[in-house]
mmCIF file of all heavy atoms, coordinates in Angstrom:
data_MODEL
# 
_entry.id   MODEL 
# 
loop_
_atom_site.group_PDB 
_atom_site.id 
_atom_site.type_symbol 
_atom_site.label_atom_id 
_atom_site.label_alt_id 
_atom_site.label_comp_id 
_atom_site.label_asym_id 
_atom_site.label_entity_id 
_atom_site.label_seq_id 
_atom_site.pdbx_PDB_ins_code 
_atom_site.Cartn_x 
_atom_site.Cartn_y 
_atom_site.Cartn_z 
_atom_site.occupancy 
_atom_site.B_iso_or_equiv 
_atom_site.pdbx_formal_charge 
_atom_site.auth_seq_id 
_atom_site.auth_comp_id 
_atom_site.auth_asym_id 
_atom_site.auth_atom_id 
_atom_site.pdbx_PDB_model_num 
ATOM 1   N N   . ILE A 1 1  ? 12.581  18.453  -3.479  1.00 0.00 ? 1  ILE A N   1 
ATOM 2   C CA  . ILE A 1 1  ? 12.354  17.045  -3.757  1.00 0.00 ? 1  ILE A CA  1 
ATOM 3   C C   . ILE A 1 1  ? 13.528  16.267  -3.201  1.00 0.00 ? 1  ILE A C   1 
ATOM 4   O O   . ILE A 1 1  ? 14.617  16.813  -2.990  1.00 0.00 ? 1  ILE A O   1 
ATOM 5   C CB  . ILE A 1 1  ? 12.191  16.741  -5.270  1.00 0.00 ? 1  ILE A CB  1 
ATOM 6   C CG1 . ILE A 1 1  ? 13.434  17.144  -6.056  1.00 0.00 ? 1  ILE A CG1 1 
ATOM 7   C CG2 . ILE A 1 1  ? 10.936  17.370  -5.824  1.00 0.00 ? 1  ILE A CG2 1 
ATOM 8   C CD1 . ILE A 1 1  ? 13.437  16.631  -7.487  1.00 0.00 ? 1  ILE A CD1 1 
ATOM 9   N N   . GLY A 1 2  ? 13.294  15.001  -2.963  1.00 0.00 ? 2  GLY A N   1 
ATOM 10  C CA  . GLY A 1 2  ? 14.367  14.141  -2.477  1.00 0.00 ? 2  GLY A CA  1 
ATOM 11  C C   . GLY A 1 2  ? 14.411  12.862  -3.272  1.00 0.00 ? 2  GLY A C   1 
ATOM 12  O O   . GLY A 1 2  ? 13.393  12.425  -3.817  1.00 0.00 ? 2  GLY A O   1 
ATOM 13  N N   . LEU A 1 3  ? 15.589  12.282  -3.369  1.00 0.00 ? 3  LEU A N   1 
ATOM 14  C CA  . LEU A 1 3  ? 15.758  10.972  -3.989  1.00 0.00 ? 3  LEU A CA  1 
ATOM 15  C C   . LEU A 1 3  ? 15.692  9.950   -2.863  1.00 0.00 ? 3  LEU A C   1 
ATOM 16  O O   . LEU A 1 3  ? 16.593  9.874   -2.023  1.00 0.00 ? 3  LEU A O   1 
ATOM 17  C CB  . LEU A 1 3  ? 17.092  10.898  -4.731  1.00 0.00 ? 3  LEU A CB  1 
ATOM 18  C CG  . LEU A 1 3  ? 17.246  11.909  -5.864  1.00 0.00 ? 3  LEU A CG  1 
ATOM 19  C CD1 . LEU A 1 3  ? 18.655  11.858  -6.439  1.00 0.00 ? 3  LEU A CD1 1 
ATOM 20  C CD2 . LEU A 1 3  ? 16.215  11.664  -6.950  1.00 0.00 ? 3  LEU A CD2 1 
ATOM 21  N N   . ILE A 1 4  ? 14.589  9.210   -2.841  1.00 0.00 ? 4  ILE A N   1 
ATOM 22  C CA  . ILE A 1 4  ? 14.261  8.354   -1.702  1.00 0.00 ? 4  ILE A CA  1 
ATOM 23  C C   . ILE A 1 4  ? 14.179  6.902   -2.140  1.00 0.00 ? 4  ILE A C   1 
ATOM 24  O O   . ILE A 1 4  ? 13.576  6.589   -3.160  1.00 0.00 ? 4  ILE A O   1 
ATOM 25  C CB  . ILE A 1 4  ? 12.888  8.769   -1.098  1.00 0.00 ? 4  ILE A CB  1 
ATOM 26  C CG1 . ILE A 1 4  ? 12.845  10.272  -0.806  1.00 0.00 ? 4  ILE A CG1 1 
ATOM 27  C CG2 . ILE A 1 4  ? 12.542  7.931   0.125   1.00 0.00 ? 4  ILE A CG2 1 
ATOM 28  C CD1 . ILE A 1 4  ? 13.862  10.771  0.177   1.00 0.00 ? 4  ILE A CD1 1 
ATOM 29  N N   . GLU A 1 5  ? 14.754  6.006   -1.350  1.00 0.00 ? 5  GLU A N   1 
ATOM 30  C CA  . GLU A 1 5  ? 14.655  4.581   -1.621  1.00 0.00 ? 5  GLU A CA  1 
ATOM 31  C C   . GLU A 1 5  ? 13.357  4.039   -1.026  1.00 0.00 ? 5  GLU A C   1 
ATOM 32  O O   . GLU A 1 5  ? 13.040  4.306   0.139   1.00 0.00 ? 5  GLU A O   1 
ATOM 33  C CB  . GLU A 1 5  ? 15.846  3.836   -1.021  1.00 0.00 ? 5  GLU A CB  1 
ATOM 34  C CG  . GLU A 1 5  ? 17.134  4.094   -1.757  1.00 0.00 ? 5  GLU A CG  1 
ATOM 35  C CD  . GLU A 1 5  ? 18.288  3.260   -1.231  1.00 0.00 ? 5  GLU A CD  1 
ATOM 36  O OE1 . GLU A 1 5  ? 18.134  2.577   -0.201  1.00 0.00 ? 5  GLU A OE1 1 
ATOM 37  O OE2 . GLU A 1 5  ? 19.354  3.303   -1.869  1.00 0.00 ? 5  GLU A OE2 1 
ATOM 38  N N   . ARG A 1 6  ? 12.607  3.317   -1.844  1.00 0.00 ? 6  ARG A N   1 
ATOM 39  C CA  . ARG A 1 6  ? 11.358  2.673   -1.402  1.00 0.00 ? 6  ARG A CA  1 
ATOM 40  C C   . ARG A 1 6  ? 11.318  1.253   -1.943  1.00 0.00 ? 6  ARG A C   1 
ATOM 41  O O   . ARG A 1 6  ? 11.928  0.950   -2.970  1.00 0.00 ? 6  ARG A O   1 
ATOM 42  C CB  . ARG A 1 6  ? 10.135  3.428   -1.941  1.00 0.00 ? 6  ARG A CB  1 
ATOM 43  C CG  . ARG A 1 6  ? 9.977   4.852   -1.475  1.00 0.00 ? 6  ARG A CG  1 
ATOM 44  C CD  . ARG A 1 6  ? 9.426   4.925   -0.085  1.00 0.00 ? 6  ARG A CD  1 
ATOM 45  N NE  . ARG A 1 6  ? 9.104   6.318   0.256   1.00 0.00 ? 6  ARG A NE  1 
ATOM 46  C CZ  . ARG A 1 6  ? 8.710   6.699   1.454   1.00 0.00 ? 6  ARG A CZ  1 
ATOM 47  N NH1 . ARG A 1 6  ? 8.584   5.830   2.426   1.00 0.00 ? 6  ARG A NH1 1 
ATOM 48  N NH2 . ARG A 1 6  ? 8.445   7.968   1.694   1.00 0.00 ? 6  ARG A NH2 1 
ATOM 49  N N   . HIS A 1 7  ? 10.533  0.412   -1.282  1.00 0.00 ? 7  HIS A N   1 
ATOM 50  C CA  . HIS A 1 7  ? 10.300  -0.943  -1.778  1.00 0.00 ? 7  HIS A CA  1 
ATOM 51  C C   . HIS A 1 7  ? 9.609   -0.854  -3.136  1.00 0.00 ? 7  HIS A C   1 
ATOM 52  O O   . HIS A 1 7  ? 8.730   -0.014  -3.339  1.00 0.00 ? 7  HIS A O   1 
ATOM 53  C CB  . HIS A 1 7  ? 9.434   -1.734  -0.808  1.00 0.00 ? 7  HIS A CB  1 
ATOM 54  C CG  . HIS A 1 7  ? 10.058  -1.901  0.540   1.00 0.00 ? 7  HIS A CG  1 
ATOM 55  N ND1 . HIS A 1 7  ? 11.066  -2.809  0.779   1.00 0.00 ? 7  HIS A ND1 1 
ATOM 56  C CD2 . HIS A 1 7  ? 9.829   -1.258  1.714   1.00 0.00 ? 7  HIS A CD2 1 
ATOM 57  C CE1 . HIS A 1 7  ? 11.429  -2.719  2.048   1.00 0.00 ? 7  HIS A CE1 1 
ATOM 58  N NE2 . HIS A 1 7  ? 10.694  -1.793  2.631   1.00 0.00 ? 7  HIS A NE2 1 
ATOM 59  N N   . VAL A 1 8  ? 9.968   -1.746  -4.058  1.00 0.00 ? 8  VAL A N   1 
ATOM 60  C CA  . VAL A 1 8  ? 9.393   -1.752  -5.400  1.00 0.00 ? 8  VAL A CA  1 
ATOM 61  C C   . VAL A 1 8  ? 7.931   -2.203  -5.356  1.00 0.00 ? 8  VAL A C   1 
ATOM 62  O O   . VAL A 1 8  ? 7.109   -1.725  -6.120  1.00 0.00 ? 8  VAL A O   1 
ATOM 63  C CB  . VAL A 1 8  ? 10.229  -2.648  -6.335  1.00 0.00 ? 8  VAL A CB  1 
ATOM 64  C CG1 . VAL A 1 8  ? 9.571   -2.791  -7.694  1.00 0.00 ? 8  VAL A CG1 1 
ATOM 65  C CG2 . VAL A 1 8  ? 11.625  -2.077  -6.488  1.00 0.00 ? 8  VAL A CG2 1 
ATOM 66  N N   . TRP A 1 9  ? 7.612   -3.123  -4.456  1.00 0.00 ? 9  TRP A N   1 
ATOM 67  C CA  . TRP A 1 9  ? 6.213   -3.522  -4.283  1.00 0.00 ? 9  TRP A CA  1 
ATOM 68  C C   . TRP A 1 9  ? 5.918   -3.705  -2.798  1.00 0.00 ? 9  TRP A C   1 
ATOM 69  O O   . TRP A 1 9  ? 6.818   -3.986  -2.007  1.00 0.00 ? 9  TRP A O   1 
ATOM 70  C CB  . TRP A 1 9  ? 5.857   -4.781  -5.083  1.00 0.00 ? 9  TRP A CB  1 
ATOM 71  C CG  . TRP A 1 9  ? 6.615   -6.028  -4.710  1.00 0.00 ? 9  TRP A CG  1 
ATOM 72  C CD1 . TRP A 1 9  ? 7.693   -6.535  -5.361  1.00 0.00 ? 9  TRP A CD1 1 
ATOM 73  C CD2 . TRP A 1 9  ? 6.355   -6.910  -3.605  1.00 0.00 ? 9  TRP A CD2 1 
ATOM 74  N NE1 . TRP A 1 9  ? 8.125   -7.686  -4.732  1.00 0.00 ? 9  TRP A NE1 1 
ATOM 75  C CE2 . TRP A 1 9  ? 7.324   -7.947  -3.655  1.00 0.00 ? 9  TRP A CE2 1 
ATOM 76  C CE3 . TRP A 1 9  ? 5.415   -6.934  -2.584  1.00 0.00 ? 9  TRP A CE3 1 
ATOM 77  C CZ2 . TRP A 1 9  ? 7.369   -8.976  -2.729  1.00 0.00 ? 9  TRP A CZ2 1 
ATOM 78  C CZ3 . TRP A 1 9  ? 5.460   -7.964  -1.642  1.00 0.00 ? 9  TRP A CZ3 1 
ATOM 79  C CH2 . TRP A 1 9  ? 6.424   -8.978  -1.727  1.00 0.00 ? 9  TRP A CH2 1 
ATOM 80  N N   . VAL A 1 10 ? 4.664   -3.491  -2.445  1.00 0.00 ? 10 VAL A N   1 
ATOM 81  C CA  . VAL A 1 10 ? 4.198   -3.690  -1.070  1.00 0.00 ? 10 VAL A CA  1 
ATOM 82  C C   . VAL A 1 10 ? 2.792   -4.290  -1.095  1.00 0.00 ? 10 VAL A C   1 
ATOM 83  O O   . VAL A 1 10 ? 2.055   -4.127  -2.061  1.00 0.00 ? 10 VAL A O   1 
ATOM 84  C CB  . VAL A 1 10 ? 4.152   -2.371  -0.248  1.00 0.00 ? 10 VAL A CB  1 
ATOM 85  C CG1 . VAL A 1 10 ? 5.536   -1.816  -0.008  1.00 0.00 ? 10 VAL A CG1 1 
ATOM 86  C CG2 . VAL A 1 10 ? 3.252   -1.343  -0.897  1.00 0.00 ? 10 VAL A CG2 1 
ATOM 87  N N   . THR A 1 11 ? 2.464   -4.977  -0.024  1.00 0.00 ? 11 THR A N   1 
ATOM 88  C CA  . THR A 1 11 ? 1.080   -5.387  0.230   1.00 0.00 ? 11 THR A CA  1 
ATOM 89  C C   . THR A 1 11 ? 0.641   -4.637  1.475   1.00 0.00 ? 11 THR A C   1 
ATOM 90  O O   . THR A 1 11 ? 1.315   -4.691  2.513   1.00 0.00 ? 11 THR A O   1 
ATOM 91  C CB  . THR A 1 11 ? 0.958   -6.904  0.457   1.00 0.00 ? 11 THR A CB  1 
ATOM 92  O OG1 . THR A 1 11 ? 1.445   -7.583  -0.704  1.00 0.00 ? 11 THR A OG1 1 
ATOM 93  C CG2 . THR A 1 11 ? -0.494  -7.301  0.695   1.00 0.00 ? 11 THR A CG2 1 
ATOM 94  N N   . VAL A 1 12 ? -0.445  -3.902  1.344   1.00 0.00 ? 12 VAL A N   1 
ATOM 95  C CA  . VAL A 1 12 ? -0.961  -3.089  2.444   1.00 0.00 ? 12 VAL A CA  1 
ATOM 96  C C   . VAL A 1 12 ? -2.303  -3.661  2.878   1.00 0.00 ? 12 VAL A C   1 
ATOM 97  O O   . VAL A 1 12 ? -3.163  -3.946  2.045   1.00 0.00 ? 12 VAL A O   1 
ATOM 98  C CB  . VAL A 1 12 ? -1.127  -1.613  2.007   1.00 0.00 ? 12 VAL A CB  1 
ATOM 99  C CG1 . VAL A 1 12 ? -1.755  -0.779  3.117   1.00 0.00 ? 12 VAL A CG1 1 
ATOM 100 C CG2 . VAL A 1 12 ? 0.218   -1.025  1.602   1.00 0.00 ? 12 VAL A CG2 1 
ATOM 101 N N   . LYS A 1 13 ? -2.462  -3.826  4.180   1.00 0.00 ? 13 LYS A N   1 
ATOM 102 C CA  . LYS A 1 13 ? -3.719  -4.305  4.748   1.00 0.00 ? 13 LYS A CA  1 
ATOM 103 C C   . LYS A 1 13 ? -4.378  -3.150  5.487   1.00 0.00 ? 13 LYS A C   1 
ATOM 104 O O   . LYS A 1 13 ? -3.700  -2.352  6.141   1.00 0.00 ? 13 LYS A O   1 
ATOM 105 C CB  . LYS A 1 13 ? -3.447  -5.454  5.715   1.00 0.00 ? 13 LYS A CB  1 
ATOM 106 C CG  . LYS A 1 13 ? -4.701  -6.011  6.382   1.00 0.00 ? 13 LYS A CG  1 
ATOM 107 C CD  . LYS A 1 13 ? -4.379  -7.207  7.258   1.00 0.00 ? 13 LYS A CD  1 
ATOM 108 C CE  . LYS A 1 13 ? -3.875  -6.738  8.597   1.00 0.00 ? 13 LYS A CE  1 
ATOM 109 N NZ  . LYS A 1 13 ? -3.749  -7.827  9.588   1.00 0.00 ? 13 LYS A NZ  1 
ATOM 110 N N   . GLY A 1 14 ? -5.685  -3.029  5.369   1.00 0.00 ? 14 GLY A N   1 
ATOM 111 C CA  . GLY A 1 14 ? -6.421  -1.996  6.086   1.00 0.00 ? 14 GLY A CA  1 
ATOM 112 C C   . GLY A 1 14 ? -7.910  -2.274  5.968   1.00 0.00 ? 14 GLY A C   1 
ATOM 113 O O   . GLY A 1 14 ? -8.329  -3.347  5.527   1.00 0.00 ? 14 GLY A O   1 
ATOM 114 N N   . LEU A 1 15 ? -8.692  -1.305  6.363   1.00 0.00 ? 15 LEU A N   1 
ATOM 115 C CA  . LEU A 1 15 ? -10.144 -1.398  6.233   1.00 0.00 ? 15 LEU A CA  1 
ATOM 116 C C   . LEU A 1 15 ? -10.601 -0.438  5.148   1.00 0.00 ? 15 LEU A C   1 
ATOM 117 O O   . LEU A 1 15 ? -10.043 0.651   5.003   1.00 0.00 ? 15 LEU A O   1 
ATOM 118 C CB  . LEU A 1 15 ? -10.829 -1.039  7.557   1.00 0.00 ? 15 LEU A CB  1 
ATOM 119 C CG  . LEU A 1 15 ? -10.420 -1.858  8.784   1.00 0.00 ? 15 LEU A CG  1 
ATOM 120 C CD1 . LEU A 1 15 ? -11.121 -1.324  10.032  1.00 0.00 ? 15 LEU A CD1 1 
ATOM 121 C CD2 . LEU A 1 15 ? -10.714 -3.335  8.589   1.00 0.00 ? 15 LEU A CD2 1 
ATOM 122 N N   . ASP A 1 16 ? -11.647 -0.835  4.408   1.00 0.00 ? 16 ASP A N   1 
ATOM 123 C CA  . ASP A 1 16 ? -12.211 0.096   3.430   1.00 0.00 ? 16 ASP A CA  1 
ATOM 124 C C   . ASP A 1 16 ? -13.218 1.001   4.139   1.00 0.00 ? 16 ASP A C   1 
ATOM 125 O O   . ASP A 1 16 ? -13.390 0.930   5.362   1.00 0.00 ? 16 ASP A O   1 
ATOM 126 C CB  . ASP A 1 16 ? -12.821 -0.639  2.228   1.00 0.00 ? 16 ASP A CB  1 
ATOM 127 C CG  . ASP A 1 16 ? -14.062 -1.460  2.562   1.00 0.00 ? 16 ASP A CG  1 
ATOM 128 O OD1 . ASP A 1 16 ? -14.624 -1.325  3.680   1.00 0.00 ? 16 ASP A OD1 1 
ATOM 129 O OD2 . ASP A 1 16 ? -14.487 -2.250  1.699   1.00 0.00 ? 16 ASP A OD2 1 
ATOM 130 N N   . ARG A 1 17 ? -13.904 1.853   3.379   1.00 0.00 ? 17 ARG A N   1 
ATOM 131 C CA  . ARG A 1 17 ? -14.821 2.826   3.980   1.00 0.00 ? 17 ARG A CA  1 
ATOM 132 C C   . ARG A 1 17 ? -15.994 2.164   4.681   1.00 0.00 ? 17 ARG A C   1 
ATOM 133 O O   . ARG A 1 17 ? -16.645 2.768   5.522   1.00 0.00 ? 17 ARG A O   1 
ATOM 134 C CB  . ARG A 1 17 ? -15.340 3.795   2.921   1.00 0.00 ? 17 ARG A CB  1 
ATOM 135 C CG  . ARG A 1 17 ? -14.223 4.634   2.345   1.00 0.00 ? 17 ARG A CG  1 
ATOM 136 C CD  . ARG A 1 17 ? -14.683 5.678   1.391   1.00 0.00 ? 17 ARG A CD  1 
ATOM 137 N NE  . ARG A 1 17 ? -15.772 5.241   0.530   1.00 0.00 ? 17 ARG A NE  1 
ATOM 138 C CZ  . ARG A 1 17 ? -16.382 6.004   -0.338  1.00 0.00 ? 17 ARG A CZ  1 
ATOM 139 N NH1 . ARG A 1 17 ? -16.001 7.261   -0.468  1.00 0.00 ? 17 ARG A NH1 1 
ATOM 140 N NH2 . ARG A 1 17 ? -17.345 5.555   -1.089  1.00 0.00 ? 17 ARG A NH2 1 
ATOM 141 N N   . SER A 1 18 ? -16.275 0.906   4.349   1.00 0.00 ? 18 SER A N   1 
ATOM 142 C CA  . SER A 1 18 ? -17.373 0.179   4.988   1.00 0.00 ? 18 SER A CA  1 
ATOM 143 C C   . SER A 1 18 ? -16.903 -0.656  6.170   1.00 0.00 ? 18 SER A C   1 
ATOM 144 O O   . SER A 1 18 ? -17.696 -1.370  6.775   1.00 0.00 ? 18 SER A O   1 
ATOM 145 C CB  . SER A 1 18 ? -18.055 -0.735  3.961   1.00 0.00 ? 18 SER A CB  1 
ATOM 146 O OG  . SER A 1 18 ? -18.510 0.012   2.869   1.00 0.00 ? 18 SER A OG  1 
ATOM 147 N N   . GLY A 1 19 ? -15.620 -0.593  6.475   1.00 0.00 ? 19 GLY A N   1 
ATOM 148 C CA  . GLY A 1 19 ? -15.101 -1.341  7.610   1.00 0.00 ? 19 GLY A CA  1 
ATOM 149 C C   . GLY A 1 19 ? -14.692 -2.766  7.284   1.00 0.00 ? 19 GLY A C   1 
ATOM 150 O O   . GLY A 1 19 ? -14.361 -3.539  8.177   1.00 0.00 ? 19 GLY A O   1 
ATOM 151 N N   . ARG A 1 20 ? -14.700 -3.119  5.998   1.00 0.00 ? 20 ARG A N   1 
ATOM 152 C CA  . ARG A 1 20 ? -14.274 -4.462  5.587   1.00 0.00 ? 20 ARG A CA  1 
ATOM 153 C C   . ARG A 1 20 ? -12.761 -4.481  5.395   1.00 0.00 ? 20 ARG A C   1 
ATOM 154 O O   . ARG A 1 20 ? -12.187 -3.527  4.870   1.00 0.00 ? 20 ARG A O   1 
ATOM 155 C CB  . ARG A 1 20 ? -14.945 -4.861  4.271   1.00 0.00 ? 20 ARG A CB  1 
ATOM 156 C CG  . ARG A 1 20 ? -16.444 -5.096  4.388   1.00 0.00 ? 20 ARG A CG  1 
ATOM 157 C CD  . ARG A 1 20 ? -17.002 -5.574  3.050   1.00 0.00 ? 20 ARG A CD  1 
ATOM 158 N NE  . ARG A 1 20 ? -16.787 -4.575  2.018   1.00 0.00 ? 20 ARG A NE  1 
ATOM 159 C CZ  . ARG A 1 20 ? -17.757 -3.818  1.486   1.00 0.00 ? 20 ARG A CZ  1 
ATOM 160 N NH1 . ARG A 1 20 ? -19.002 -3.957  1.865   1.00 0.00 ? 20 ARG A NH1 1 
ATOM 161 N NH2 . ARG A 1 20 ? -17.467 -2.932  0.563   1.00 0.00 ? 20 ARG A NH2 1 
ATOM 162 N N   . GLU A 1 21 ? -12.147 -5.599  5.783   1.00 0.00 ? 21 GLU A N   1 
ATOM 163 C CA  . GLU A 1 21 ? -10.696 -5.712  5.592   1.00 0.00 ? 21 GLU A CA  1 
ATOM 164 C C   . GLU A 1 21 ? -10.377 -5.858  4.113   1.00 0.00 ? 21 GLU A C   1 
ATOM 165 O O   . GLU A 1 21 ? -11.038 -6.606  3.396   1.00 0.00 ? 21 GLU A O   1 
ATOM 166 C CB  . GLU A 1 21 ? -10.138 -6.916  6.348   1.00 0.00 ? 21 GLU A CB  1 
ATOM 167 C CG  . GLU A 1 21 ? -8.616  -6.965  6.272   1.00 0.00 ? 21 GLU A CG  1 
ATOM 168 C CD  . GLU A 1 21 ? -7.998  -8.080  7.083   1.00 0.00 ? 21 GLU A CD  1 
ATOM 169 O OE1 . GLU A 1 21 ? -8.141  -8.046  8.327   1.00 0.00 ? 21 GLU A OE1 1 
ATOM 170 O OE2 . GLU A 1 21 ? -7.378  -8.962  6.464   1.00 0.00 ? 21 GLU A OE2 1 
ATOM 171 N N   . VAL A 1 22 ? -9.378  -5.100  3.660   1.00 0.00 ? 22 VAL A N   1 
ATOM 172 C CA  . VAL A 1 22 ? -8.922  -5.177  2.279   1.00 0.00 ? 22 VAL A CA  1 
ATOM 173 C C   . VAL A 1 22 ? -7.402  -5.277  2.272   1.00 0.00 ? 22 VAL A C   1 
ATOM 174 O O   . VAL A 1 22 ? -6.735  -4.872  3.223   1.00 0.00 ? 22 VAL A O   1 
ATOM 175 C CB  . VAL A 1 22 ? -9.365  -3.948  1.438   1.00 0.00 ? 22 VAL A CB  1 
ATOM 176 C CG1 . VAL A 1 22 ? -10.860 -3.935  1.241   1.00 0.00 ? 22 VAL A CG1 1 
ATOM 177 C CG2 . VAL A 1 22 ? -8.885  -2.651  2.057   1.00 0.00 ? 22 VAL A CG2 1 
ATOM 178 N N   . ARG A 1 23 ? -6.908  -5.810  1.181   1.00 0.00 ? 23 ARG A N   1 
ATOM 179 C CA  . ARG A 1 23 ? -5.467  -5.848  0.946   1.00 0.00 ? 23 ARG A CA  1 
ATOM 180 C C   . ARG A 1 23 ? -5.209  -5.243  -0.422  1.00 0.00 ? 23 ARG A C   1 
ATOM 181 O O   . ARG A 1 23 ? -5.925  -5.559  -1.372  1.00 0.00 ? 23 ARG A O   1 
ATOM 182 C CB  . ARG A 1 23 ? -4.944  -7.279  0.987   1.00 0.00 ? 23 ARG A CB  1 
ATOM 183 C CG  . ARG A 1 23 ? -4.953  -7.838  2.388   1.00 0.00 ? 23 ARG A CG  1 
ATOM 184 C CD  . ARG A 1 23 ? -4.616  -9.305  2.417   1.00 0.00 ? 23 ARG A CD  1 
ATOM 185 N NE  . ARG A 1 23 ? -4.908  -9.814  3.745   1.00 0.00 ? 23 ARG A NE  1 
ATOM 186 C CZ  . ARG A 1 23 ? -3.995  -10.304 4.564   1.00 0.00 ? 23 ARG A CZ  1 
ATOM 187 N NH1 . ARG A 1 23 ? -2.740  -10.376 4.189   1.00 0.00 ? 23 ARG A NH1 1 
ATOM 188 N NH2 . ARG A 1 23 ? -4.332  -10.728 5.748   1.00 0.00 ? 23 ARG A NH2 1 
ATOM 189 N N   . VAL A 1 24 ? -4.237  -4.382  -0.485  1.00 0.00 ? 24 VAL A N   1 
ATOM 190 C CA  . VAL A 1 24 ? -3.859  -3.760  -1.750  1.00 0.00 ? 24 VAL A CA  1 
ATOM 191 C C   . VAL A 1 24 ? -2.447  -4.210  -2.072  1.00 0.00 ? 24 VAL A C   1 
ATOM 192 O O   . VAL A 1 24 ? -1.526  -4.000  -1.283  1.00 0.00 ? 24 VAL A O   1 
ATOM 193 C CB  . VAL A 1 24 ? -3.918  -2.213  -1.659  1.00 0.00 ? 24 VAL A CB  1 
ATOM 194 C CG1 . VAL A 1 24 ? -3.451  -1.588  -2.963  1.00 0.00 ? 24 VAL A CG1 1 
ATOM 195 C CG2 . VAL A 1 24 ? -5.302  -1.739  -1.279  1.00 0.00 ? 24 VAL A CG2 1 
ATOM 196 N N   . LYS A 1 25 ? -2.304  -4.857  -3.232  1.00 0.00 ? 25 LYS A N   1 
ATOM 197 C CA  . LYS A 1 25 ? -0.978  -5.226  -3.721  1.00 0.00 ? 25 LYS A CA  1 
ATOM 198 C C   . LYS A 1 25 ? -0.583  -4.155  -4.721  1.00 0.00 ? 25 LYS A C   1 
ATOM 199 O O   . LYS A 1 25 ? -1.268  -3.952  -5.716  1.00 0.00 ? 25 LYS A O   1 
ATOM 200 C CB  . LYS A 1 25 ? -1.009  -6.604  -4.372  1.00 0.00 ? 25 LYS A CB  1 
ATOM 201 C CG  . LYS A 1 25 ? -1.281  -7.702  -3.367  1.00 0.00 ? 25 LYS A CG  1 
ATOM 202 C CD  . LYS A 1 25 ? -1.309  -9.066  -4.001  1.00 0.00 ? 25 LYS A CD  1 
ATOM 203 C CE  . LYS A 1 25 ? -1.585  -10.112 -2.931  1.00 0.00 ? 25 LYS A CE  1 
ATOM 204 N NZ  . LYS A 1 25 ? -1.671  -11.455 -3.484  1.00 0.00 ? 25 LYS A NZ  1 
ATOM 205 N N   . ALA A 1 26 ? 0.486   -3.452  -4.423  1.00 0.00 ? 26 ALA A N   1 
ATOM 206 C CA  . ALA A 1 26 ? 0.876   -2.307  -5.249  1.00 0.00 ? 26 ALA A CA  1 
ATOM 207 C C   . ALA A 1 26 ? 2.332   -2.442  -5.657  1.00 0.00 ? 26 ALA A C   1 
ATOM 208 O O   . ALA A 1 26 ? 3.154   -2.977  -4.915  1.00 0.00 ? 26 ALA A O   1 
ATOM 209 C CB  . ALA A 1 26 ? 0.666   -1.013  -4.472  1.00 0.00 ? 26 ALA A CB  1 
ATOM 210 N N   . GLN A 1 27 ? 2.616   -1.914  -6.845  1.00 0.00 ? 27 GLN A N   1 
ATOM 211 C CA  . GLN A 1 27 ? 4.006   -1.891  -7.296  1.00 0.00 ? 27 GLN A CA  1 
ATOM 212 C C   . GLN A 1 27 ? 4.326   -0.524  -7.880  1.00 0.00 ? 27 GLN A C   1 
ATOM 213 O O   . GLN A 1 27 ? 3.436   0.273   -8.150  1.00 0.00 ? 27 GLN A O   1 
ATOM 214 C CB  . GLN A 1 27 ? 4.277   -2.997  -8.302  1.00 0.00 ? 27 GLN A CB  1 
ATOM 215 C CG  . GLN A 1 27 ? 3.388   -2.963  -9.525  1.00 0.00 ? 27 GLN A CG  1 
ATOM 216 C CD  . GLN A 1 27 ? 3.544   -4.217  -10.387 1.00 0.00 ? 27 GLN A CD  1 
ATOM 217 O OE1 . GLN A 1 27 ? 4.089   -5.217  -9.949  1.00 0.00 ? 27 GLN A OE1 1 
ATOM 218 N NE2 . GLN A 1 27 ? 3.063   -4.145  -11.611 1.00 0.00 ? 27 GLN A NE2 1 
ATOM 219 N N   . ASN A 1 28 ? 5.619   -0.281  -8.032  1.00 0.00 ? 28 ASN A N   1 
ATOM 220 C CA  . ASN A 1 28 ? 6.129   0.938   -8.658  1.00 0.00 ? 28 ASN A CA  1 
ATOM 221 C C   . ASN A 1 28 ? 5.584   2.208   -8.009  1.00 0.00 ? 28 ASN A C   1 
ATOM 222 O O   . ASN A 1 28 ? 5.712   2.394   -6.806  1.00 0.00 ? 28 ASN A O   1 
ATOM 223 C CB  . ASN A 1 28 ? 5.887   0.884   -10.173 1.00 0.00 ? 28 ASN A CB  1 
ATOM 224 C CG  . ASN A 1 28 ? 6.505   -0.355  -10.799 1.00 0.00 ? 28 ASN A CG  1 
ATOM 225 O OD1 . ASN A 1 28 ? 7.580   -0.794  -10.374 1.00 0.00 ? 28 ASN A OD1 1 
ATOM 226 N ND2 . ASN A 1 28 ? 5.833   -0.949  -11.757 1.00 0.00 ? 28 ASN A ND2 1 
# 
């Protein structure tokens, strides 16, 4: 295992399984 620094929150843009654009706002 490693102790890794990551952003506390991110917004990720991509396509869902149907090809529609989605954005996921994630934290922790």
